[in-house]
Amino acid sequence: MHFAGNKKGRKKNMNFELNLVPFIDVLSTCICFLLVTAVFINLGSFHVSQAVGSEKTKQEEKQGSVTVSLGSRGDIRFEVKDVKGLRGSQAMTTISGDAGQVNFKRTEEWIKAFASQYSDVKTVLLMPNPSSKYDDLIQLMAQFKTASMDQIGIAPL
């Protein structure tokens, strides 16, 4: 019996092409997705104290904080929250800018006066606007650090 196309005497071609471009595209998309979503993961912690026997759990007091909003014309608004003994005029203070620039001299005076009066406040949240300069944020952070207010955060735009 004779079969047509018998390839007994020839070697089988071992070269073949595998298109890796779609695989690389999917892999790079997954890596980009991982990097973007990693920003949204917040690691939180809380203090737990368990009552034993007749002991009661202690309630932690809210610590005060200062929210600093930067305006587009160099003005800065300080909003103080959860501080005992704070008068209404000190709860919200605005320092106007000087010719469109942040007035760092008046800002430093306010921070030093506030920190000397309320030494238990350590938390600061800086809220820049899209036109805020990076140098202004760094200088404000340095002023708060020198006043021993070292828990500083920056809110995303």
N, C-alpha and C. Protein backbone atom coordinates (compact mmCIF):
# COMPACT_ATOMS: atom_id res chain seq x y z
N MET A 1 0.82 -1.16 0.00
CA MET A 1 0.00 0.00 0.00
C MET A 1 0.88 1.24 0.00
N HIS A 2 0.49 2.16 -0.77
CA HIS A 2 1.28 3.36 -0.91
C HIS A 2 0.44 4.57 -0.50
N PHE A 3 0.96 5.31 0.44
CA PHE A 3 0.25 6.52 0.87
C PHE A 3 0.92 7.73 0.26
N ALA A 4 0.10 8.61 -0.22
CA ALA A 4 0.65 9.83 -0.83
C ALA A 4 1.12 10.76 0.27
N GLY A 5 2.20 11.39 0.08
CA GLY A 5 2.70 12.38 1.03
C GLY A 5 3.40 11.77 2.21
N ASN A 6 3.96 10.62 2.08
CA ASN A 6 4.68 10.00 3.17
C ASN A 6 5.98 10.76 3.40
N LYS A 7 6.18 11.19 4.66
CA LYS A 7 7.34 12.02 4.98
C LYS A 7 8.30 11.26 5.87
N LYS A 8 8.45 10.01 5.62
CA LYS A 8 9.31 9.23 6.48
C LYS A 8 10.77 9.61 6.36
N GLY A 9 11.19 9.97 5.22
CA GLY A 9 12.59 10.25 5.01
C GLY A 9 12.98 11.69 5.35
N ARG A 10 12.03 12.61 5.49
CA ARG A 10 12.37 14.01 5.75
C ARG A 10 12.28 14.33 7.24
N LYS A 11 13.08 15.29 7.67
CA LYS A 11 13.02 15.74 9.06
C LYS A 11 11.86 16.70 9.24
N LYS A 12 11.28 16.65 10.41
CA LYS A 12 10.18 17.56 10.74
C LYS A 12 10.76 18.93 11.07
N ASN A 13 10.13 19.96 10.57
CA ASN A 13 10.60 21.33 10.81
C ASN A 13 10.30 21.72 12.26
N MET A 14 11.33 22.00 13.04
CA MET A 14 11.16 22.32 14.47
C MET A 14 11.10 23.83 14.73
N ASN A 15 11.25 24.64 13.75
CA ASN A 15 11.17 26.09 13.94
C ASN A 15 9.71 26.54 13.85
N PHE A 16 9.28 27.24 14.86
CA PHE A 16 7.94 27.80 14.83
C PHE A 16 7.99 29.17 15.50
N GLU A 17 7.01 29.99 15.22
CA GLU A 17 6.96 31.34 15.77
C GLU A 17 5.85 31.43 16.79
N LEU A 18 6.17 32.07 17.89
CA LEU A 18 5.19 32.32 18.93
C LEU A 18 5.12 33.83 19.12
N ASN A 19 3.97 34.40 18.92
CA ASN A 19 3.81 35.85 19.00
C ASN A 19 3.66 36.25 20.47
N LEU A 20 4.68 36.90 21.02
CA LEU A 20 4.68 37.30 22.44
C LEU A 20 4.15 38.70 22.66
N VAL A 21 3.85 39.45 21.63
CA VAL A 21 3.40 40.84 21.79
C VAL A 21 2.10 40.93 22.60
N PRO A 22 1.07 40.11 22.34
CA PRO A 22 -0.14 40.20 23.19
C PRO A 22 0.14 39.86 24.65
N PHE A 23 1.01 38.89 24.89
CA PHE A 23 1.36 38.53 26.26
C PHE A 23 2.04 39.69 26.97
N ILE A 24 2.96 40.35 26.30
CA ILE A 24 3.66 41.50 26.89
C ILE A 24 2.68 42.65 27.14
N ASP A 25 1.73 42.87 26.24
CA ASP A 25 0.73 43.91 26.43
C ASP A 25 -0.12 43.66 27.67
N VAL A 26 -0.57 42.42 27.83
CA VAL A 26 -1.39 42.08 29.01
C VAL A 26 -0.57 42.21 30.27
N LEU A 27 0.66 41.77 30.25
CA LEU A 27 1.52 41.85 31.43
C LEU A 27 1.80 43.30 31.81
N SER A 28 2.08 44.15 30.84
CA SER A 28 2.34 45.56 31.16
C SER A 28 1.08 46.25 31.67
N THR A 29 -0.08 45.88 31.15
CA THR A 29 -1.34 46.45 31.66
C THR A 29 -1.57 46.03 33.11
N CYS A 30 -1.29 44.79 33.44
CA CYS A 30 -1.43 44.32 34.82
C CYS A 30 -0.47 45.04 35.76
N ILE A 31 0.73 45.28 35.32
CA ILE A 31 1.70 46.00 36.15
C ILE A 31 1.25 47.44 36.38
N CYS A 32 0.77 48.09 35.34
CA CYS A 32 0.26 49.46 35.49
C CYS A 32 -0.92 49.50 36.45
N PHE A 33 -1.82 48.55 36.34
CA PHE A 33 -2.97 48.48 37.24
C PHE A 33 -2.52 48.29 38.67
N LEU A 34 -1.54 47.44 38.88
CA LEU A 34 -1.00 47.21 40.23
C LEU A 34 -0.40 48.49 40.81
N LEU A 35 0.38 49.21 40.01
CA LEU A 35 1.02 50.43 40.51
C LEU A 35 0.00 51.52 40.81
N VAL A 36 -1.03 51.63 40.00
CA VAL A 36 -2.05 52.66 40.24
C VAL A 36 -2.88 52.34 41.47
N THR A 37 -3.28 51.09 41.63
CA THR A 37 -4.13 50.74 42.76
C THR A 37 -3.37 50.65 44.07
N ALA A 38 -2.05 50.50 44.02
CA ALA A 38 -1.27 50.44 45.26
C ALA A 38 -1.34 51.76 46.02
N VAL A 39 -1.62 52.85 45.35
CA VAL A 39 -1.73 54.15 46.01
C VAL A 39 -2.95 54.20 46.91
N PHE A 40 -4.00 53.46 46.55
CA PHE A 40 -5.26 53.55 47.28
C PHE A 40 -5.32 52.64 48.50
N ILE A 41 -4.29 51.88 48.74
CA ILE A 41 -4.28 51.00 49.90
C ILE A 41 -3.84 51.81 51.12
N ASN A 42 -4.69 51.87 52.11
CA ASN A 42 -4.36 52.59 53.34
C ASN A 42 -4.12 51.58 54.45
N LEU A 43 -2.99 51.72 55.09
CA LEU A 43 -2.71 50.88 56.23
C LEU A 43 -3.14 51.63 57.48
N GLY A 44 -4.11 51.10 58.16
CA GLY A 44 -4.62 51.77 59.35
C GLY A 44 -4.28 50.99 60.60
N SER A 45 -4.25 51.66 61.69
CA SER A 45 -4.01 50.99 62.96
C SER A 45 -4.87 51.65 64.02
N PHE A 46 -5.17 50.90 65.02
CA PHE A 46 -5.91 51.45 66.15
C PHE A 46 -5.42 50.75 67.41
N HIS A 47 -5.60 51.44 68.52
CA HIS A 47 -5.14 50.92 69.79
C HIS A 47 -6.28 50.17 70.46
N VAL A 48 -5.98 49.00 70.93
CA VAL A 48 -6.98 48.17 71.58
C VAL A 48 -6.51 47.91 73.00
N SER A 49 -7.38 48.19 73.94
CA SER A 49 -7.09 47.82 75.32
C SER A 49 -8.29 47.03 75.84
N GLN A 50 -8.01 45.89 76.36
CA GLN A 50 -9.07 44.98 76.79
C GLN A 50 -9.24 45.10 78.29
N ALA A 51 -10.51 45.08 78.70
CA ALA A 51 -10.80 45.13 80.12
C ALA A 51 -10.57 43.76 80.73
N VAL A 52 -9.87 43.75 81.86
CA VAL A 52 -9.61 42.50 82.55
C VAL A 52 -10.21 42.61 83.94
N GLY A 53 -11.09 41.69 84.28
CA GLY A 53 -11.70 41.70 85.61
C GLY A 53 -12.56 42.93 85.81
N SER A 54 -12.23 43.71 86.83
CA SER A 54 -13.03 44.89 87.13
C SER A 54 -12.47 46.16 86.49
N GLU A 55 -11.37 46.02 85.75
CA GLU A 55 -10.81 47.19 85.09
C GLU A 55 -11.71 47.63 83.94
N LYS A 56 -11.76 48.90 83.70
CA LYS A 56 -12.56 49.44 82.61
C LYS A 56 -11.62 49.85 81.47
N THR A 57 -12.16 49.83 80.28
CA THR A 57 -11.37 50.30 79.16
C THR A 57 -11.26 51.81 79.24
N LYS A 58 -10.10 52.30 78.93
CA LYS A 58 -9.92 53.75 78.97
C LYS A 58 -10.28 54.34 77.62
N GLN A 59 -10.95 55.45 77.66
CA GLN A 59 -11.33 56.16 76.44
C GLN A 59 -10.24 57.17 76.11
N GLU A 60 -9.75 57.07 74.90
CA GLU A 60 -8.73 58.03 74.48
C GLU A 60 -9.40 59.31 74.02
N GLU A 61 -8.81 60.41 74.42
CA GLU A 61 -9.32 61.70 74.00
C GLU A 61 -8.90 61.98 72.57
N LYS A 62 -9.74 62.73 71.90
CA LYS A 62 -9.36 63.14 70.55
C LYS A 62 -8.25 64.17 70.65
N GLN A 63 -7.23 63.96 69.88
CA GLN A 63 -6.16 64.93 69.86
C GLN A 63 -6.48 65.99 68.82
N GLY A 64 -6.09 67.20 69.12
CA GLY A 64 -6.37 68.30 68.22
C GLY A 64 -5.57 68.22 66.94
N SER A 65 -6.06 68.92 65.93
CA SER A 65 -5.37 68.95 64.65
C SER A 65 -5.54 70.32 64.01
N VAL A 66 -4.64 70.61 63.10
CA VAL A 66 -4.69 71.87 62.36
C VAL A 66 -4.77 71.52 60.87
N THR A 67 -5.77 72.08 60.19
CA THR A 67 -5.89 71.91 58.74
C THR A 67 -5.47 73.22 58.09
N VAL A 68 -4.50 73.14 57.19
CA VAL A 68 -3.96 74.33 56.54
C VAL A 68 -4.34 74.27 55.07
N SER A 69 -5.14 75.25 54.63
CA SER A 69 -5.56 75.32 53.22
C SER A 69 -4.81 76.44 52.54
N LEU A 70 -4.18 76.13 51.43
CA LEU A 70 -3.43 77.12 50.67
C LEU A 70 -4.32 77.67 49.57
N GLY A 71 -4.41 79.00 49.50
CA GLY A 71 -5.20 79.65 48.47
C GLY A 71 -4.39 79.93 47.22
N SER A 72 -5.08 80.35 46.19
CA SER A 72 -4.40 80.57 44.91
C SER A 72 -3.63 81.89 44.87
N ARG A 73 -3.95 82.83 45.77
CA ARG A 73 -3.25 84.13 45.78
C ARG A 73 -2.28 84.26 46.95
N GLY A 74 -1.82 83.12 47.46
CA GLY A 74 -0.85 83.15 48.55
C GLY A 74 -1.47 83.22 49.93
N ASP A 75 -2.79 83.21 50.02
CA ASP A 75 -3.43 83.25 51.33
C ASP A 75 -3.47 81.85 51.93
N ILE A 76 -3.38 81.81 53.26
CA ILE A 76 -3.37 80.54 54.00
C ILE A 76 -4.45 80.62 55.07
N ARG A 77 -5.25 79.53 55.15
CA ARG A 77 -6.30 79.46 56.17
C ARG A 77 -5.98 78.31 57.12
N PHE A 78 -5.90 78.64 58.41
CA PHE A 78 -5.66 77.66 59.46
C PHE A 78 -6.99 77.35 60.13
N GLU A 79 -7.34 76.06 60.17
CA GLU A 79 -8.57 75.64 60.85
C GLU A 79 -8.19 74.63 61.92
N VAL A 80 -8.47 74.98 63.18
CA VAL A 80 -8.08 74.14 64.31
C VAL A 80 -9.30 73.35 64.76
N LYS A 81 -9.11 72.04 64.98
CA LYS A 81 -10.21 71.16 65.38
C LYS A 81 -9.84 70.39 66.63
N ASP A 82 -10.84 70.12 67.46
CA ASP A 82 -10.74 69.25 68.64
C ASP A 82 -9.69 69.71 69.65
N VAL A 83 -9.64 71.00 69.92
CA VAL A 83 -8.71 71.53 70.91
C VAL A 83 -9.53 72.17 72.02
N LYS A 84 -9.30 71.72 73.26
CA LYS A 84 -10.03 72.26 74.41
C LYS A 84 -9.50 73.64 74.76
N GLY A 85 -10.38 74.52 75.14
CA GLY A 85 -10.00 75.86 75.56
C GLY A 85 -9.69 76.80 74.42
N LEU A 86 -10.12 76.46 73.25
CA LEU A 86 -9.84 77.29 72.08
C LEU A 86 -10.98 78.28 71.89
N ARG A 87 -10.62 79.54 71.73
CA ARG A 87 -11.63 80.57 71.49
C ARG A 87 -12.05 80.53 70.03
N GLY A 88 -13.21 81.08 69.74
CA GLY A 88 -13.76 81.06 68.39
C GLY A 88 -12.90 81.78 67.37
N SER A 89 -12.24 82.86 67.78
CA SER A 89 -11.40 83.61 66.84
C SER A 89 -10.14 82.84 66.46
N GLN A 90 -9.69 81.92 67.33
CA GLN A 90 -8.49 81.15 67.03
C GLN A 90 -8.80 79.87 66.26
N ALA A 91 -10.07 79.46 66.21
CA ALA A 91 -10.42 78.21 65.54
C ALA A 91 -10.21 78.32 64.03
N MET A 92 -10.38 79.50 63.48
CA MET A 92 -10.15 79.69 62.05
C MET A 92 -9.45 81.02 61.84
N THR A 93 -8.26 80.96 61.28
CA THR A 93 -7.46 82.15 61.04
C THR A 93 -7.01 82.15 59.59
N THR A 94 -7.06 83.32 58.97
CA THR A 94 -6.61 83.46 57.59
C THR A 94 -5.49 84.48 57.53
N ILE A 95 -4.40 84.11 56.89
CA ILE A 95 -3.28 85.02 56.67
C ILE A 95 -3.23 85.30 55.17
N SER A 96 -3.42 86.56 54.83
CA SER A 96 -3.46 86.91 53.40
C SER A 96 -2.04 86.91 52.83
N GLY A 97 -1.98 86.67 51.54
CA GLY A 97 -0.69 86.62 50.84
C GLY A 97 -0.12 88.00 50.61
N ASP A 98 1.13 88.05 50.28
CA ASP A 98 1.83 89.29 50.01
C ASP A 98 2.20 89.32 48.53
N ALA A 99 1.46 90.06 47.74
CA ALA A 99 1.67 90.18 46.28
C ALA A 99 1.61 88.82 45.59
N GLY A 100 0.65 88.00 45.99
CA GLY A 100 0.48 86.69 45.38
C GLY A 100 1.38 85.61 45.94
N GLN A 101 2.24 85.95 46.88
CA GLN A 101 3.16 84.99 47.50
C GLN A 101 2.72 84.73 48.94
N VAL A 102 3.09 83.60 49.46
CA VAL A 102 2.77 83.27 50.85
C VAL A 102 3.62 84.14 51.78
N ASN A 103 2.97 84.71 52.79
CA ASN A 103 3.66 85.54 53.78
C ASN A 103 4.19 84.61 54.87
N PHE A 104 5.41 84.12 54.69
CA PHE A 104 5.97 83.13 55.60
C PHE A 104 6.34 83.71 56.96
N LYS A 105 6.61 85.00 57.01
CA LYS A 105 6.95 85.61 58.30
C LYS A 105 5.75 85.60 59.24
N ARG A 106 4.59 86.04 58.74
CA ARG A 106 3.37 86.03 59.57
C ARG A 106 2.92 84.60 59.85
N THR A 107 3.13 83.71 58.89
CA THR A 107 2.76 82.32 59.08
C THR A 107 3.60 81.69 60.20
N GLU A 108 4.89 81.95 60.19
CA GLU A 108 5.76 81.41 61.23
C GLU A 108 5.40 81.97 62.61
N GLU A 109 5.05 83.26 62.67
CA GLU A 109 4.63 83.85 63.95
C GLU A 109 3.38 83.17 64.47
N TRP A 110 2.40 82.90 63.58
CA TRP A 110 1.17 82.26 64.02
C TRP A 110 1.44 80.84 64.50
N ILE A 111 2.27 80.10 63.77
CA ILE A 111 2.57 78.72 64.13
C ILE A 111 3.28 78.67 65.48
N LYS A 112 4.26 79.54 65.70
CA LYS A 112 4.98 79.55 66.98
C LYS A 112 4.07 79.92 68.14
N ALA A 113 3.20 80.92 67.93
CA ALA A 113 2.28 81.32 68.99
C ALA A 113 1.30 80.20 69.31
N PHE A 114 0.79 79.55 68.29
CA PHE A 114 -0.17 78.46 68.50
C PHE A 114 0.51 77.27 69.18
N ALA A 115 1.70 76.91 68.73
CA ALA A 115 2.40 75.75 69.29
C ALA A 115 2.82 75.99 70.74
N SER A 116 3.15 77.21 71.09
CA SER A 116 3.52 77.49 72.48
C SER A 116 2.31 77.44 73.40
N GLN A 117 1.14 77.82 72.89
CA GLN A 117 -0.07 77.83 73.71
C GLN A 117 -0.70 76.44 73.78
N TYR A 118 -0.67 75.70 72.70
CA TYR A 118 -1.29 74.37 72.64
C TYR A 118 -0.22 73.36 72.25
N SER A 119 0.59 72.97 73.20
CA SER A 119 1.73 72.09 72.91
C SER A 119 1.32 70.64 72.68
N ASP A 120 0.09 70.26 73.01
CA ASP A 120 -0.34 68.88 72.81
C ASP A 120 -0.83 68.61 71.38
N VAL A 121 -1.01 69.65 70.57
CA VAL A 121 -1.43 69.47 69.18
C VAL A 121 -0.20 69.15 68.33
N LYS A 122 -0.22 67.99 67.69
CA LYS A 122 0.92 67.54 66.90
C LYS A 122 0.56 67.24 65.44
N THR A 123 -0.73 67.20 65.11
CA THR A 123 -1.17 66.76 63.79
C THR A 123 -1.50 67.95 62.90
N VAL A 124 -0.95 67.94 61.68
CA VAL A 124 -1.17 69.00 60.71
C VAL A 124 -1.53 68.35 59.37
N LEU A 125 -2.55 68.88 58.71
CA LEU A 125 -2.93 68.41 57.38
C LEU A 125 -2.84 69.60 56.42
N LEU A 126 -1.93 69.50 55.45
CA LEU A 126 -1.77 70.55 54.44
C LEU A 126 -2.66 70.22 53.25
N MET A 127 -3.45 71.20 52.83
CA MET A 127 -4.36 71.01 51.70
C MET A 127 -4.00 72.02 50.61
N PRO A 128 -3.14 71.64 49.67
CA PRO A 128 -2.74 72.56 48.61
C PRO A 128 -3.83 72.66 47.54
N ASN A 129 -3.73 73.69 46.72
CA ASN A 129 -4.60 73.79 45.55
C ASN A 129 -3.74 73.50 44.33
N PRO A 130 -4.33 73.37 43.15
CA PRO A 130 -3.52 73.02 41.97
C PRO A 130 -2.43 74.03 41.62
N SER A 131 -2.60 75.27 42.05
CA SER A 131 -1.59 76.27 41.72
C SER A 131 -0.54 76.46 42.82
N SER A 132 -0.60 75.63 43.87
CA SER A 132 0.37 75.75 44.96
C SER A 132 1.75 75.31 44.50
N LYS A 133 2.75 75.99 45.01
CA LYS A 133 4.13 75.66 44.67
C LYS A 133 4.67 74.62 45.65
N TYR A 134 5.48 73.75 45.13
CA TYR A 134 6.09 72.71 45.96
C TYR A 134 6.98 73.31 47.03
N ASP A 135 7.69 74.38 46.70
CA ASP A 135 8.57 75.03 47.67
C ASP A 135 7.78 75.58 48.85
N ASP A 136 6.57 76.10 48.58
CA ASP A 136 5.74 76.62 49.66
C ASP A 136 5.34 75.51 50.62
N LEU A 137 4.98 74.35 50.09
CA LEU A 137 4.61 73.22 50.95
C LEU A 137 5.79 72.79 51.82
N ILE A 138 6.96 72.70 51.21
CA ILE A 138 8.14 72.27 51.97
C ILE A 138 8.48 73.27 53.07
N GLN A 139 8.37 74.56 52.76
CA GLN A 139 8.68 75.57 53.76
C GLN A 139 7.66 75.55 54.91
N LEU A 140 6.38 75.35 54.58
CA LEU A 140 5.37 75.23 55.63
C LEU A 140 5.63 74.01 56.51
N MET A 141 5.98 72.90 55.88
CA MET A 141 6.28 71.70 56.65
C MET A 141 7.46 71.93 57.58
N ALA A 142 8.47 72.65 57.12
CA ALA A 142 9.63 72.94 57.95
C ALA A 142 9.25 73.83 59.13
N GLN A 143 8.36 74.80 58.90
CA GLN A 143 7.92 75.67 59.99
C GLN A 143 7.16 74.89 61.05
N PHE A 144 6.31 73.97 60.62
CA PHE A 144 5.58 73.16 61.60
C PHE A 144 6.51 72.20 62.34
N LYS A 145 7.50 71.65 61.65
CA LYS A 145 8.45 70.75 62.31
C LYS A 145 9.28 71.48 63.37
N THR A 146 9.68 72.71 63.09
CA THR A 146 10.45 73.47 64.08
C THR A 146 9.60 73.82 65.29
N ALA A 147 8.28 73.85 65.13
CA ALA A 147 7.38 74.14 66.24
C ALA A 147 6.93 72.85 66.93
N SER A 148 7.60 71.73 66.68
CA SER A 148 7.32 70.42 67.28
C SER A 148 5.95 69.86 66.91
N MET A 149 5.44 70.26 65.77
CA MET A 149 4.21 69.67 65.23
C MET A 149 4.66 68.77 64.08
N ASP A 150 5.00 67.52 64.42
CA ASP A 150 5.71 66.67 63.47
C ASP A 150 4.86 65.61 62.78
N GLN A 151 3.58 65.55 63.05
CA GLN A 151 2.70 64.60 62.35
C GLN A 151 2.03 65.35 61.21
N ILE A 152 2.73 65.46 60.09
CA ILE A 152 2.28 66.29 58.98
C ILE A 152 1.87 65.42 57.83
N GLY A 153 0.72 65.75 57.25
CA GLY A 153 0.24 65.04 56.07
C GLY A 153 -0.16 66.02 55.00
N ILE A 154 -0.14 65.56 53.75
CA ILE A 154 -0.56 66.39 52.63
C ILE A 154 -1.73 65.71 51.96
N ALA A 155 -2.84 66.45 51.83
CA ALA A 155 -4.03 65.91 51.17
C ALA A 155 -3.80 65.89 49.67
N PRO A 156 -4.23 64.82 49.01
CA PRO A 156 -4.06 64.79 47.55
C PRO A 156 -4.98 65.78 46.86
N LEU A 157 -4.57 66.21 45.68
CA LEU A 157 -5.37 67.16 44.92
C LEU A 157 -6.58 66.49 44.34
